[in-house]
Amino acid sequence: MDRKMANRKLIRLSQLKSKLAVENLEEIDWVTFGVIVKKVTPQSANNGRTFSIWRLNDLRDLNQCVSLFLFGEVHKEHWKTDQGMV
C-alpha cells in the first residue's frame, strides 16, 4: 500500500466537498476510499443503457455521502458488488 500511495494525497470522502472548494484537485494525484453504504436497484436511462447508483461513505461522518453512478462496462462488471464492500 505504501508503494501504491507514494506521491499521492489521501482525501477522505467526508473532506471531498471542502477540498474541492479550496484546491484544484485536477492538478493533484489523489485517492479516496469509500464503503458502499447503499445501492439503488439498477436503472434504465432514457437511451436504454442500464446503470447503477452507489452511495459511498468513509465511515467518519455518516451524513457526508458521495453518489457514484456506474455506466457501461463498469456497471456490467461491478453491479453485483455487495453493500458494505470497500
Protein backbone atom coordinates (compact mmCIF):
# COMPACT_ATOMS: atom_id res chain seq x y z
CA MET A 1 0.00 0.00 0.00
CA ASP A 2 2.89 2.37 0.74
CA ARG A 3 4.18 1.85 -2.80
CA LYS A 4 0.75 2.48 -4.35
CA MET A 5 0.27 5.65 -2.27
CA ALA A 6 3.72 7.10 -2.97
CA ASN A 7 3.42 10.70 -4.21
CA ARG A 8 -0.37 10.62 -3.84
CA LYS A 9 -2.58 12.53 -1.46
CA LEU A 10 -5.31 10.76 0.52
CA ILE A 11 -8.54 12.74 0.67
CA ARG A 12 -11.31 11.31 2.81
CA LEU A 13 -14.75 11.24 1.21
CA SER A 14 -16.09 13.34 4.10
CA GLN A 15 -13.48 16.02 3.21
CA LEU A 16 -14.02 15.96 -0.55
CA LYS A 17 -16.55 18.79 -0.77
CA SER A 18 -14.43 21.18 1.31
CA LYS A 19 -11.24 20.22 -0.57
CA LEU A 20 -12.93 20.87 -3.93
CA ALA A 21 -13.83 24.37 -2.70
CA VAL A 22 -10.23 25.36 -1.88
CA GLU A 23 -7.95 23.18 -4.01
CA ASN A 24 -7.66 22.40 -7.70
CA LEU A 25 -7.74 18.62 -7.42
CA GLU A 26 -7.19 18.22 -11.16
CA GLU A 27 -3.56 19.19 -10.57
CA ILE A 28 -3.03 16.74 -7.69
CA ASP A 29 -2.60 12.96 -7.80
CA TRP A 30 -5.12 12.00 -5.13
CA VAL A 31 -7.04 8.93 -3.99
CA THR A 32 -10.01 8.23 -1.79
CA PHE A 33 -11.63 5.17 -0.25
CA GLY A 34 -15.27 4.53 0.36
CA VAL A 35 -17.64 1.91 1.68
CA ILE A 36 -20.83 1.17 -0.25
CA VAL A 37 -23.48 2.15 2.30
CA LYS A 38 -26.45 1.99 -0.08
CA LYS A 39 -27.15 0.57 -3.53
CA VAL A 40 -30.08 1.50 -5.72
CA THR A 41 -31.56 -1.25 -7.90
CA PRO A 42 -30.09 -0.89 -11.43
CA GLN A 43 -31.99 1.64 -13.52
CA SER A 44 -32.51 2.15 -17.24
CA ALA A 45 -31.65 5.54 -18.73
CA ASN A 46 -33.78 7.15 -21.44
CA ASN A 47 -31.36 5.80 -24.04
CA GLY A 48 -31.88 2.24 -22.77
CA ARG A 49 -28.49 1.93 -21.09
CA THR A 50 -28.56 0.32 -17.65
CA PHE A 51 -26.70 1.94 -14.78
CA SER A 52 -26.26 1.62 -11.03
CA ILE A 53 -26.06 4.19 -8.26
CA TRP A 54 -23.98 3.61 -5.14
CA ARG A 55 -23.81 5.83 -2.07
CA LEU A 56 -20.30 5.82 -0.62
CA ASN A 57 -19.09 6.92 2.80
CA ASP A 58 -15.76 6.87 4.63
CA LEU A 59 -17.42 5.96 7.97
CA ARG A 60 -16.08 9.14 9.59
CA ASP A 61 -19.17 11.28 9.03
CA LEU A 62 -22.24 9.27 8.10
CA ASN A 63 -24.00 12.44 6.92
CA GLN A 64 -21.42 13.01 4.16
CA CYS A 65 -22.01 10.59 1.29
CA VAL A 66 -20.94 10.64 -2.33
CA SER A 67 -23.18 9.21 -5.05
CA LEU A 68 -21.37 7.20 -7.69
CA PHE A 69 -23.08 6.43 -11.00
CA LEU A 70 -21.81 3.32 -12.81
CA PHE A 71 -22.38 3.05 -16.58
CA GLY A 72 -21.25 0.79 -19.42
CA GLU A 73 -18.56 -1.79 -18.73
CA VAL A 74 -18.07 -0.55 -15.16
CA HIS A 75 -21.74 -1.21 -14.42
CA LYS A 76 -21.60 -4.65 -16.10
CA GLU A 77 -18.52 -5.64 -14.13
CA HIS A 78 -19.45 -4.27 -10.70
CA TRP A 79 -23.25 -4.03 -10.33
CA LYS A 80 -23.37 -7.18 -8.17
CA THR A 81 -20.83 -5.81 -5.67
CA ASP A 82 -22.32 -6.16 -2.17
CA GLN A 83 -23.26 -3.30 0.08
CA GLY A 84 -20.56 -2.91 2.76
CA MET A 85 -17.67 -3.50 0.35
CA VAL A 86 -14.78 -1.03 0.15
